[in-house]
């Protein structure tokens, strides 16, 4: 969750993630704050 992924041209690539059972976001928001290259789906029942 903190390692950057690179495109072929050396730029940072978007890492697409999903948190299942996200609750009220206690995981997703701290991680998104520290890694600007993440996109996070989040679901809960």
ModelCIF file with pLDDT and N, C-alpha, C, O atoms, coordinates in Angstrom:
data_MODEL
#
_entry.id   MODEL 
#
_entity.id                         1 
_entity.type                       polymer 
_entity.pdbx_number_of_molecules   1 
#
_entity_poly.entity_id                      1 
_entity_poly.type                           'polypeptide(L)' 
_entity_poly.nstd_linkage                   no 
_entity_poly.nstd_monomer                   no 
_entity_poly.pdbx_seq_one_letter_code       
;(UNK)(UNK)(UNK)(UNK)(UNK)(UNK)(UNK)(UNK)(UNK)(UNK)(UNK)(UNK)(UNK)(UNK)(UNK)(UNK)
(UNK)(UNK)(UNK)(UNK)(UNK)(UNK)(UNK)(UNK)(UNK)(UNK)(UNK)(UNK)(UNK)(UNK)(UNK)(UNK)
(UNK)(UNK)(UNK)(UNK)(UNK)(UNK)(UNK)(UNK)(UNK)(UNK)(UNK)(UNK)(UNK)
;
_entity_poly.pdbx_seq_one_letter_code_can   XXXXXXXXXXXXXXXXXXXXXXXXXXXXXXXXXXXXXXXXXXXXX 
_entity_poly.pdbx_strand_id                 A 
#
loop_
_entity_poly_seq.entity_id 
_entity_poly_seq.num 
_entity_poly_seq.mon_id 
_entity_poly_seq.hetero 
1 1  UNK n 
1 2  UNK n 
1 3  UNK n 
1 4  UNK n 
1 5  UNK n 
1 6  UNK n 
1 7  UNK n 
1 8  UNK n 
1 9  UNK n 
1 10 UNK n 
1 11 UNK n 
1 12 UNK n 
1 13 UNK n 
1 14 UNK n 
1 15 UNK n 
1 16 UNK n 
1 17 UNK n 
1 18 UNK n 
1 19 UNK n 
1 20 UNK n 
1 21 UNK n 
1 22 UNK n 
1 23 UNK n 
1 24 UNK n 
1 25 UNK n 
1 26 UNK n 
1 27 UNK n 
1 28 UNK n 
1 29 UNK n 
1 30 UNK n 
1 31 UNK n 
1 32 UNK n 
1 33 UNK n 
1 34 UNK n 
1 35 UNK n 
1 36 UNK n 
1 37 UNK n 
1 38 UNK n 
1 39 UNK n 
1 40 UNK n 
1 41 UNK n 
1 42 UNK n 
1 43 UNK n 
1 44 UNK n 
1 45 UNK n 
#
_struct_asym.id          A 
_struct_asym.entity_id   1 
#
loop_
_ma_qa_metric.id 
_ma_qa_metric.mode 
_ma_qa_metric.name 
_ma_qa_metric.software_group_id 
_ma_qa_metric.type 
1 global pLDDT . pLDDT 
2 local  pLDDT . pLDDT 
#
_ma_qa_metric_global.metric_id      1 
_ma_qa_metric_global.metric_value   84.58 
_ma_qa_metric_global.model_id       1 
_ma_qa_metric_global.ordinal_id     1 
#
loop_
_ma_qa_metric_local.label_asym_id 
_ma_qa_metric_local.label_comp_id 
_ma_qa_metric_local.label_seq_id 
_ma_qa_metric_local.metric_id 
_ma_qa_metric_local.metric_value 
_ma_qa_metric_local.model_id 
_ma_qa_metric_local.ordinal_id 
A UNK 1  2 74.00 1 1  
A UNK 2  2 69.00 1 2  
A UNK 3  2 68.00 1 3  
A UNK 4  2 60.00 1 4  
A UNK 5  2 67.00 1 5  
A UNK 6  2 58.00 1 6  
A UNK 7  2 66.00 1 7  
A UNK 8  2 63.00 1 8  
A UNK 9  2 67.00 1 9  
A UNK 10 2 63.00 1 10 
A UNK 11 2 73.00 1 11 
A UNK 12 2 75.00 1 12 
A UNK 13 2 83.00 1 13 
A UNK 14 2 89.00 1 14 
A UNK 15 2 92.00 1 15 
A UNK 16 2 95.00 1 16 
A UNK 17 2 95.00 1 17 
A UNK 18 2 97.00 1 18 
A UNK 19 2 95.00 1 19 
A UNK 20 2 97.00 1 20 
A UNK 21 2 93.00 1 21 
A UNK 22 2 90.00 1 22 
A UNK 23 2 88.00 1 23 
A UNK 24 2 87.00 1 24 
A UNK 25 2 87.00 1 25 
A UNK 26 2 86.00 1 26 
A UNK 27 2 88.00 1 27 
A UNK 28 2 89.00 1 28 
A UNK 29 2 90.00 1 29 
A UNK 30 2 88.00 1 30 
A UNK 31 2 89.00 1 31 
A UNK 32 2 90.00 1 32 
A UNK 33 2 88.00 1 33 
A UNK 34 2 86.00 1 34 
A UNK 35 2 87.00 1 35 
A UNK 36 2 88.00 1 36 
A UNK 37 2 89.00 1 37 
A UNK 38 2 92.00 1 38 
A UNK 39 2 95.00 1 39 
A UNK 40 2 95.00 1 40 
A UNK 41 2 97.00 1 41 
A UNK 42 2 97.00 1 42 
A UNK 43 2 96.00 1 43 
A UNK 44 2 94.00 1 44 
A UNK 45 2 91.00 1 45 
#
loop_
_atom_site.group_PDB 
_atom_site.id 
_atom_site.type_symbol 
_atom_site.label_atom_id 
_atom_site.label_alt_id 
_atom_site.label_comp_id 
_atom_site.label_asym_id 
_atom_site.label_entity_id 
_atom_site.label_seq_id 
_atom_site.pdbx_PDB_ins_code 
_atom_site.Cartn_x 
_atom_site.Cartn_y 
_atom_site.Cartn_z 
_atom_site.occupancy 
_atom_site.B_iso_or_equiv 
_atom_site.pdbx_formal_charge 
_atom_site.auth_seq_id 
_atom_site.auth_comp_id 
_atom_site.auth_asym_id 
_atom_site.auth_atom_id 
_atom_site.pdbx_PDB_model_num 
ATOM 1   N N  . UNK A 1 1  ? 0.803   -1.221 0.000   1.00 74.00 ? 1  UNK A N  1 
ATOM 2   C CA . UNK A 1 1  ? 0.000   0.000  0.000   1.00 74.00 ? 1  UNK A CA 1 
ATOM 3   C C  . UNK A 1 1  ? 0.840   1.277  0.000   1.00 74.00 ? 1  UNK A C  1 
ATOM 4   O O  . UNK A 1 1  ? 0.300   2.367  -0.189  1.00 74.00 ? 1  UNK A O  1 
ATOM 5   N N  . UNK A 1 2  ? 2.144   1.158  0.207   1.00 69.00 ? 2  UNK A N  1 
ATOM 6   C CA . UNK A 1 2  ? 2.969   2.362  0.181   1.00 69.00 ? 2  UNK A CA 1 
ATOM 7   C C  . UNK A 1 2  ? 4.004   2.355  -0.942  1.00 69.00 ? 2  UNK A C  1 
ATOM 8   O O  . UNK A 1 2  ? 4.677   3.359  -1.178  1.00 69.00 ? 2  UNK A O  1 
ATOM 9   N N  . UNK A 1 3  ? 4.129   1.225  -1.631  1.00 68.00 ? 3  UNK A N  1 
ATOM 10  C CA . UNK A 1 3  ? 5.088   1.144  -2.724  1.00 68.00 ? 3  UNK A CA 1 
ATOM 11  C C  . UNK A 1 3  ? 4.475   1.693  -4.011  1.00 68.00 ? 3  UNK A C  1 
ATOM 12  O O  . UNK A 1 3  ? 3.369   1.307  -4.389  1.00 68.00 ? 3  UNK A O  1 
ATOM 13  N N  . UNK A 1 4  ? 5.184   2.583  -4.673  1.00 60.00 ? 4  UNK A N  1 
ATOM 14  C CA . UNK A 1 4  ? 4.693   3.175  -5.920  1.00 60.00 ? 4  UNK A CA 1 
ATOM 15  C C  . UNK A 1 4  ? 4.921   2.215  -7.078  1.00 60.00 ? 4  UNK A C  1 
ATOM 16  O O  . UNK A 1 4  ? 5.897   1.466  -7.102  1.00 60.00 ? 4  UNK A O  1 
ATOM 17  N N  . UNK A 1 5  ? 3.993   2.252  -8.046  1.00 67.00 ? 5  UNK A N  1 
ATOM 18  C CA . UNK A 1 5  ? 4.125   1.486  -9.280  1.00 67.00 ? 5  UNK A CA 1 
ATOM 19  C C  . UNK A 1 5  ? 4.400   2.469  -10.411 1.00 67.00 ? 5  UNK A C  1 
ATOM 20  O O  . UNK A 1 5  ? 3.835   3.563  -10.432 1.00 67.00 ? 5  UNK A O  1 
ATOM 21  N N  . UNK A 1 6  ? 5.269   2.087  -11.358 1.00 58.00 ? 6  UNK A N  1 
ATOM 22  C CA . UNK A 1 6  ? 5.679   3.015  -12.406 1.00 58.00 ? 6  UNK A CA 1 
ATOM 23  C C  . UNK A 1 6  ? 5.164   2.597  -13.778 1.00 58.00 ? 6  UNK A C  1 
ATOM 24  O O  . UNK A 1 6  ? 5.094   1.412  -14.105 1.00 58.00 ? 6  UNK A O  1 
ATOM 25  N N  . UNK A 1 7  ? 4.804   3.611  -14.575 1.00 66.00 ? 7  UNK A N  1 
ATOM 26  C CA . UNK A 1 7  ? 4.481   3.384  -15.975 1.00 66.00 ? 7  UNK A CA 1 
ATOM 27  C C  . UNK A 1 7  ? 5.769   3.169  -16.768 1.00 66.00 ? 7  UNK A C  1 
ATOM 28  O O  . UNK A 1 7  ? 6.867   3.330  -16.236 1.00 66.00 ? 7  UNK A O  1 
ATOM 29  N N  . UNK A 1 8  ? 5.627   2.804  -18.038 1.00 63.00 ? 8  UNK A N  1 
ATOM 30  C CA . UNK A 1 8  ? 6.806   2.583  -18.888 1.00 63.00 ? 8  UNK A CA 1 
ATOM 31  C C  . UNK A 1 8  ? 7.650   3.844  -19.035 1.00 63.00 ? 8  UNK A C  1 
ATOM 32  O O  . UNK A 1 8  ? 8.866   3.761  -19.207 1.00 63.00 ? 8  UNK A O  1 
ATOM 33  N N  . UNK A 1 9  ? 7.005   5.024  -18.967 1.00 67.00 ? 9  UNK A N  1 
ATOM 34  C CA . UNK A 1 9  ? 7.764   6.274  -19.116 1.00 67.00 ? 9  UNK A CA 1 
ATOM 35  C C  . UNK A 1 9  ? 8.356   6.765  -17.799 1.00 67.00 ? 9  UNK A C  1 
ATOM 36  O O  . UNK A 1 9  ? 8.913   7.862  -17.744 1.00 67.00 ? 9  UNK A O  1 
ATOM 37  N N  . UNK A 1 10 ? 8.242   5.962  -16.731 1.00 63.00 ? 10 UNK A N  1 
ATOM 38  C CA . UNK A 1 10 ? 8.841   6.317  -15.456 1.00 63.00 ? 10 UNK A CA 1 
ATOM 39  C C  . UNK A 1 10 ? 7.949   7.111  -14.529 1.00 63.00 ? 10 UNK A C  1 
ATOM 40  O O  . UNK A 1 10 ? 8.331   7.377  -13.390 1.00 63.00 ? 10 UNK A O  1 
ATOM 41  N N  . UNK A 1 11 ? 6.764   7.498  -14.989 1.00 73.00 ? 11 UNK A N  1 
ATOM 42  C CA . UNK A 1 11 ? 5.835   8.235  -14.131 1.00 73.00 ? 11 UNK A CA 1 
ATOM 43  C C  . UNK A 1 11 ? 5.095   7.271  -13.205 1.00 73.00 ? 11 UNK A C  1 
ATOM 44  O O  . UNK A 1 11 ? 4.969   6.082  -13.494 1.00 73.00 ? 11 UNK A O  1 
ATOM 45  N N  . UNK A 1 12 ? 4.615   7.803  -12.101 1.00 75.00 ? 12 UNK A N  1 
ATOM 46  C CA . UNK A 1 12 ? 3.902   6.968  -11.133 1.00 75.00 ? 12 UNK A CA 1 
ATOM 47  C C  . UNK A 1 12 ? 2.563   6.514  -11.699 1.00 75.00 ? 12 UNK A C  1 
ATOM 48  O O  . UNK A 1 12 ? 1.797   7.325  -12.221 1.00 75.00 ? 12 UNK A O  1 
ATOM 49  N N  . UNK A 1 13 ? 2.286   5.235  -11.597 1.00 83.00 ? 13 UNK A N  1 
ATOM 50  C CA . UNK A 1 13 ? 1.025   4.672  -12.090 1.00 83.00 ? 13 UNK A CA 1 
ATOM 51  C C  . UNK A 1 13 ? 0.002   4.635  -10.959 1.00 83.00 ? 13 UNK A C  1 
ATOM 52  O O  . UNK A 1 13 ? 0.360   4.533  -9.786  1.00 83.00 ? 13 UNK A O  1 
ATOM 53  N N  . UNK A 1 14 ? -1.260  4.719  -11.321 1.00 89.00 ? 14 UNK A N  1 
ATOM 54  C CA . UNK A 1 14 ? -2.336  4.582  -10.344 1.00 89.00 ? 14 UNK A CA 1 
ATOM 55  C C  . UNK A 1 14 ? -2.475  3.120  -9.941  1.00 89.00 ? 14 UNK A C  1 
ATOM 56  O O  . UNK A 1 14 ? -2.535  2.236  -10.796 1.00 89.00 ? 14 UNK A O  1 
ATOM 57  N N  . UNK A 1 15 ? -2.526  2.871  -8.650  1.00 92.00 ? 15 UNK A N  1 
ATOM 58  C CA . UNK A 1 15 ? -2.741  1.526  -8.129  1.00 92.00 ? 15 UNK A CA 1 
ATOM 59  C C  . UNK A 1 15 ? -4.202  1.431  -7.714  1.00 92.00 ? 15 UNK A C  1 
ATOM 60  O O  . UNK A 1 15 ? -4.649  2.156  -6.825  1.00 92.00 ? 15 UNK A O  1 
ATOM 61  N N  . UNK A 1 16 ? -4.942  0.539  -8.359  1.00 95.00 ? 16 UNK A N  1 
ATOM 62  C CA . UNK A 1 16 ? -6.372  0.386  -8.082  1.00 95.00 ? 16 UNK A CA 1 
ATOM 63  C C  . UNK A 1 16 ? -6.593  -0.653 -6.996  1.00 95.00 ? 16 UNK A C  1 
ATOM 64  O O  . UNK A 1 16 ? -6.168  -1.802 -7.117  1.00 95.00 ? 16 UNK A O  1 
ATOM 65  N N  . UNK A 1 17 ? -7.270  -0.227 -5.925  1.00 95.00 ? 17 UNK A N  1 
ATOM 66  C CA . UNK A 1 17 ? -7.437  -1.067 -4.739  1.00 95.00 ? 17 UNK A CA 1 
ATOM 67  C C  . UNK A 1 17 ? -8.914  -1.178 -4.366  1.00 95.00 ? 17 UNK A C  1 
ATOM 68  O O  . UNK A 1 17 ? -9.751  -0.383 -4.796  1.00 95.00 ? 17 UNK A O  1 
ATOM 69  N N  . UNK A 1 18 ? -9.197  -2.176 -3.565  1.00 97.00 ? 18 UNK A N  1 
ATOM 70  C CA . UNK A 1 18 ? -10.530 -2.356 -2.987  1.00 97.00 ? 18 UNK A CA 1 
ATOM 71  C C  . UNK A 1 18 ? -10.382 -2.765 -1.539  1.00 97.00 ? 18 UNK A C  1 
ATOM 72  O O  . UNK A 1 18 ? -9.615  -3.672 -1.217  1.00 97.00 ? 18 UNK A O  1 
ATOM 73  N N  . UNK A 1 19 ? -11.115 -2.096 -0.668  1.00 95.00 ? 19 UNK A N  1 
ATOM 74  C CA . UNK A 1 19 ? -11.254 -2.592 0.700   1.00 95.00 ? 19 UNK A CA 1 
ATOM 75  C C  . UNK A 1 19 ? -12.639 -3.170 0.849   1.00 95.00 ? 19 UNK A C  1 
ATOM 76  O O  . UNK A 1 19 ? -13.634 -2.458 0.712   1.00 95.00 ? 19 UNK A O  1 
ATOM 77  N N  . UNK A 1 20 ? -12.711 -4.472 1.134   1.00 97.00 ? 20 UNK A N  1 
ATOM 78  C CA . UNK A 1 20 ? -14.005 -5.095 1.408   1.00 97.00 ? 20 UNK A CA 1 
ATOM 79  C C  . UNK A 1 20 ? -14.283 -4.938 2.895   1.00 97.00 ? 20 UNK A C  1 
ATOM 80  O O  . UNK A 1 20 ? -13.379 -5.044 3.724   1.00 97.00 ? 20 UNK A O  1 
ATOM 81  N N  . UNK A 1 21 ? -15.560 -4.682 3.226   1.00 93.00 ? 21 UNK A N  1 
ATOM 82  C CA . UNK A 1 21 ? -15.906 -4.449 4.622   1.00 93.00 ? 21 UNK A CA 1 
ATOM 83  C C  . UNK A 1 21 ? -15.251 -3.192 5.152   1.00 93.00 ? 21 UNK A C  1 
ATOM 84  O O  . UNK A 1 21 ? -14.558 -3.221 6.169   1.00 93.00 ? 21 UNK A O  1 
ATOM 85  N N  . UNK A 1 22 ? -15.475 -2.086 4.456   1.00 90.00 ? 22 UNK A N  1 
ATOM 86  C CA . UNK A 1 22 ? -14.741 -0.845 4.759   1.00 90.00 ? 22 UNK A CA 1 
ATOM 87  C C  . UNK A 1 22 ? -15.160 -0.173 6.050   1.00 90.00 ? 22 UNK A C  1 
ATOM 88  O O  . UNK A 1 22 ? -14.451 0.705  6.543   1.00 90.00 ? 22 UNK A O  1 
ATOM 89  N N  . UNK A 1 23 ? -16.317 -0.569 6.622   1.00 88.00 ? 23 UNK A N  1 
ATOM 90  C CA . UNK A 1 23 ? -16.778 0.114  7.827   1.00 88.00 ? 23 UNK A CA 1 
ATOM 91  C C  . UNK A 1 23 ? -16.926 1.595  7.564   1.00 88.00 ? 23 UNK A C  1 
ATOM 92  O O  . UNK A 1 23 ? -17.514 1.987  6.556   1.00 88.00 ? 23 UNK A O  1 
ATOM 93  N N  . UNK A 1 24 ? -16.401 2.433  8.457   1.00 87.00 ? 24 UNK A N  1 
ATOM 94  C CA . UNK A 1 24 ? -16.541 3.884  8.319   1.00 87.00 ? 24 UNK A CA 1 
ATOM 95  C C  . UNK A 1 24 ? -15.275 4.549  7.773   1.00 87.00 ? 24 UNK A C  1 
ATOM 96  O O  . UNK A 1 24 ? -15.136 5.770  7.838   1.00 87.00 ? 24 UNK A O  1 
ATOM 97  N N  . UNK A 1 25 ? -14.343 3.737  7.232   1.00 87.00 ? 25 UNK A N  1 
ATOM 98  C CA . UNK A 1 25 ? -13.180 4.308  6.557   1.00 87.00 ? 25 UNK A CA 1 
ATOM 99  C C  . UNK A 1 25 ? -11.917 4.390  7.385   1.00 87.00 ? 25 UNK A C  1 
ATOM 100 O O  . UNK A 1 25 ? -11.019 5.160  7.044   1.00 87.00 ? 25 UNK A O  1 
ATOM 101 N N  . UNK A 1 26 ? -11.810 3.614  8.477   1.00 86.00 ? 26 UNK A N  1 
ATOM 102 C CA . UNK A 1 26 ? -10.625 3.689  9.338   1.00 86.00 ? 26 UNK A CA 1 
ATOM 103 C C  . UNK A 1 26 ? -9.352  3.199  8.650   1.00 86.00 ? 26 UNK A C  1 
ATOM 104 O O  . UNK A 1 26 ? -8.245  3.499  9.099   1.00 86.00 ? 26 UNK A O  1 
ATOM 105 N N  . UNK A 1 27 ? -9.508  2.453  7.574   1.00 88.00 ? 27 UNK A N  1 
ATOM 106 C CA . UNK A 1 27 ? -8.360  1.999  6.796   1.00 88.00 ? 27 UNK A CA 1 
ATOM 107 C C  . UNK A 1 27 ? -8.110  2.892  5.578   1.00 88.00 ? 27 UNK A C  1 
ATOM 108 O O  . UNK A 1 27 ? -6.980  3.315  5.337   1.00 88.00 ? 27 UNK A O  1 
ATOM 109 N N  . UNK A 1 28 ? -9.151  3.172  4.824   1.00 89.00 ? 28 UNK A N  1 
ATOM 110 C CA . UNK A 1 28 ? -8.949  3.813  3.518   1.00 89.00 ? 28 UNK A CA 1 
ATOM 111 C C  . UNK A 1 28 ? -8.402  5.231  3.615   1.00 89.00 ? 28 UNK A C  1 
ATOM 112 O O  . UNK A 1 28 ? -7.536  5.604  2.824   1.00 89.00 ? 28 UNK A O  1 
ATOM 113 N N  . UNK A 1 29 ? -8.877  6.018  4.547   1.00 90.00 ? 29 UNK A N  1 
ATOM 114 C CA . UNK A 1 29 ? -8.454  7.427  4.578   1.00 90.00 ? 29 UNK A CA 1 
ATOM 115 C C  . UNK A 1 29 ? -6.999  7.608  5.024   1.00 90.00 ? 29 UNK A C  1 
ATOM 116 O O  . UNK A 1 29 ? -6.299  8.416  4.414   1.00 90.00 ? 29 UNK A O  1 
ATOM 117 N N  . UNK A 1 30 ? -6.497  6.901  6.056   1.00 88.00 ? 30 UNK A N  1 
ATOM 118 C CA . UNK A 1 30 ? -5.064  7.010  6.367   1.00 88.00 ? 30 UNK A CA 1 
ATOM 119 C C  . UNK A 1 30 ? -4.171  6.565  5.203   1.00 88.00 ? 30 UNK A C  1 
ATOM 120 O O  . UNK A 1 30 ? -3.137  7.183  4.949   1.00 88.00 ? 30 UNK A O  1 
ATOM 121 N N  . UNK A 1 31 ? -4.561  5.499  4.498   1.00 89.00 ? 31 UNK A N  1 
ATOM 122 C CA . UNK A 1 31 ? -3.745  5.002  3.388   1.00 89.00 ? 31 UNK A CA 1 
ATOM 123 C C  . UNK A 1 31 ? -3.767  5.976  2.212   1.00 89.00 ? 31 UNK A C  1 
ATOM 124 O O  . UNK A 1 31 ? -2.725  6.245  1.614   1.00 89.00 ? 31 UNK A O  1 
ATOM 125 N N  . UNK A 1 32 ? -4.931  6.500  1.878   1.00 90.00 ? 32 UNK A N  1 
ATOM 126 C CA . UNK A 1 32 ? -5.029  7.458  0.778   1.00 90.00 ? 32 UNK A CA 1 
ATOM 127 C C  . UNK A 1 32 ? -4.240  8.728  1.065   1.00 90.00 ? 32 UNK A C  1 
ATOM 128 O O  . UNK A 1 32 ? -3.657  9.328  0.161   1.00 90.00 ? 32 UNK A O  1 
ATOM 129 N N  . UNK A 1 33 ? -4.229  9.130  2.327   1.00 88.00 ? 33 UNK A N  1 
ATOM 130 C CA . UNK A 1 33 ? -3.499  10.345 2.693   1.00 88.00 ? 33 UNK A CA 1 
ATOM 131 C C  . UNK A 1 33 ? -2.000  10.200 2.440   1.00 88.00 ? 33 UNK A C  1 
ATOM 132 O O  . UNK A 1 33 ? -1.342  11.152 2.022   1.00 88.00 ? 33 UNK A O  1 
ATOM 133 N N  . UNK A 1 34 ? -1.460  9.000  2.696   1.00 86.00 ? 34 UNK A N  1 
ATOM 134 C CA . UNK A 1 34 ? -0.020  8.806  2.593   1.00 86.00 ? 34 UNK A CA 1 
ATOM 135 C C  . UNK A 1 34 ? 0.446   8.332  1.213   1.00 86.00 ? 34 UNK A C  1 
ATOM 136 O O  . UNK A 1 34 ? 1.640   8.380  0.916   1.00 86.00 ? 34 UNK A O  1 
ATOM 137 N N  . UNK A 1 35 ? -0.476  7.880  0.377   1.00 87.00 ? 35 UNK A N  1 
ATOM 138 C CA . UNK A 1 35 ? -0.081  7.430  -0.955  1.00 87.00 ? 35 UNK A CA 1 
ATOM 139 C C  . UNK A 1 35 ? -0.973  8.097  -1.997  1.00 87.00 ? 35 UNK A C  1 
ATOM 140 O O  . UNK A 1 35 ? -2.103  7.657  -2.210  1.00 87.00 ? 35 UNK A O  1 
ATOM 141 N N  . UNK A 1 36 ? -0.485  9.151  -2.650  1.00 88.00 ? 36 UNK A N  1 
ATOM 142 C CA . UNK A 1 36 ? -1.308  9.905  -3.604  1.00 88.00 ? 36 UNK A CA 1 
ATOM 143 C C  . UNK A 1 36 ? -1.603  9.160  -4.896  1.00 88.00 ? 36 UNK A C  1 
ATOM 144 O O  . UNK A 1 36 ? -2.374  9.646  -5.723  1.00 88.00 ? 36 UNK A O  1 
ATOM 145 N N  . UNK A 1 37 ? -1.001  7.984  -5.085  1.00 89.00 ? 37 UNK A N  1 
ATOM 146 C CA . UNK A 1 37 ? -1.171  7.260  -6.349  1.00 89.00 ? 37 UNK A CA 1 
ATOM 147 C C  . UNK A 1 37 ? -2.153  6.100  -6.243  1.00 89.00 ? 37 UNK A C  1 
ATOM 148 O O  . UNK A 1 37 ? -2.272  5.295  -7.167  1.00 89.00 ? 37 UNK A O  1 
ATOM 149 N N  . UNK A 1 38 ? -2.859  6.014  -5.111  1.00 92.00 ? 38 UNK A N  1 
ATOM 150 C CA . UNK A 1 38 ? -3.871  4.973  -4.936  1.00 92.00 ? 38 UNK A CA 1 
ATOM 151 C C  . UNK A 1 38 ? -5.246  5.481  -5.343  1.00 92.00 ? 38 UNK A C  1 
ATOM 152 O O  . UNK A 1 38 ? -5.592  6.637  -5.095  1.00 92.00 ? 38 UNK A O  1 
ATOM 153 N N  . UNK A 1 39 ? -6.030  4.603  -5.971  1.00 95.00 ? 39 UNK A N  1 
ATOM 154 C CA . UNK A 1 39 ? -7.470  4.825  -6.089  1.00 95.00 ? 39 UNK A CA 1 
ATOM 155 C C  . UNK A 1 39 ? -8.130  3.686  -5.335  1.00 95.00 ? 39 UNK A C  1 
ATOM 156 O O  . UNK A 1 39 ? -7.800  2.520  -5.550  1.00 95.00 ? 39 UNK A O  1 
ATOM 157 N N  . UNK A 1 40 ? -9.062  4.022  -4.450  1.00 95.00 ? 40 UNK A N  1 
ATOM 158 C CA . UNK A 1 40 ? -9.620  3.033  -3.543  1.00 95.00 ? 40 UNK A CA 1 
ATOM 159 C C  . UNK A 1 40 ? -11.126 2.874  -3.727  1.00 95.00 ? 40 UNK A C  1 
ATOM 160 O O  . UNK A 1 40 ? -11.890 3.812  -3.501  1.00 95.00 ? 40 UNK A O  1 
ATOM 161 N N  . UNK A 1 41 ? -11.543 1.680  -4.138  1.00 97.00 ? 41 UNK A N  1 
ATOM 162 C CA . UNK A 1 41 ? -12.944 1.302  -4.003  1.00 97.00 ? 41 UNK A CA 1 
ATOM 163 C C  . UNK A 1 41 ? -13.147 0.824  -2.569  1.00 97.00 ? 41 UNK A C  1 
ATOM 164 O O  . UNK A 1 41 ? -12.231 0.278  -1.954  1.00 97.00 ? 41 UNK A O  1 
ATOM 165 N N  . UNK A 1 42 ? -14.349 1.033  -2.041  1.00 97.00 ? 42 UNK A N  1 
ATOM 166 C CA . UNK A 1 42 ? -14.627 0.606  -0.666  1.00 97.00 ? 42 UNK A CA 1 
ATOM 167 C C  . UNK A 1 42 ? -16.077 0.151  -0.583  1.00 97.00 ? 42 UNK A C  1 
ATOM 168 O O  . UNK A 1 42 ? -16.985 0.868  -1.002  1.00 97.00 ? 42 UNK A O  1 
ATOM 169 N N  . UNK A 1 43 ? -16.289 -1.036 -0.043  1.00 96.00 ? 43 UNK A N  1 
ATOM 170 C CA . UNK A 1 43 ? -17.663 -1.534 0.052   1.00 96.00 ? 43 UNK A CA 1 
ATOM 171 C C  . UNK A 1 43 ? -17.930 -2.128 1.428   1.00 96.00 ? 43 UNK A C  1 
ATOM 172 O O  . UNK A 1 43 ? -17.020 -2.581 2.123   1.00 96.00 ? 43 UNK A O  1 
ATOM 173 N N  . UNK A 1 44 ? -19.191 -2.112 1.794   1.00 94.00 ? 44 UNK A N  1 
ATOM 174 C CA . UNK A 1 44 ? -19.639 -2.703 3.051   1.00 94.00 ? 44 UNK A CA 1 
ATOM 175 C C  . UNK A 1 44 ? -21.097 -3.102 2.872   1.00 94.00 ? 44 UNK A C  1 
ATOM 176 O O  . UNK A 1 44 ? -21.815 -2.501 2.074   1.00 94.00 ? 44 UNK A O  1 
ATOM 177 N N  . UNK A 1 45 ? -21.540 -4.131 3.627   1.00 91.00 ? 45 UNK A N  1 
ATOM 178 C CA . UNK A 1 45 ? -22.959 -4.503 3.487   1.00 91.00 ? 45 UNK A CA 1 
ATOM 179 C C  . UNK A 1 45 ? -23.858 -3.754 4.462   1.00 91.00 ? 45 UNK A C  1 
ATOM 180 O O  . UNK A 1 45 ? -25.072 -3.959 4.464   1.00 91.00 ? 45 UNK A O  1 
#
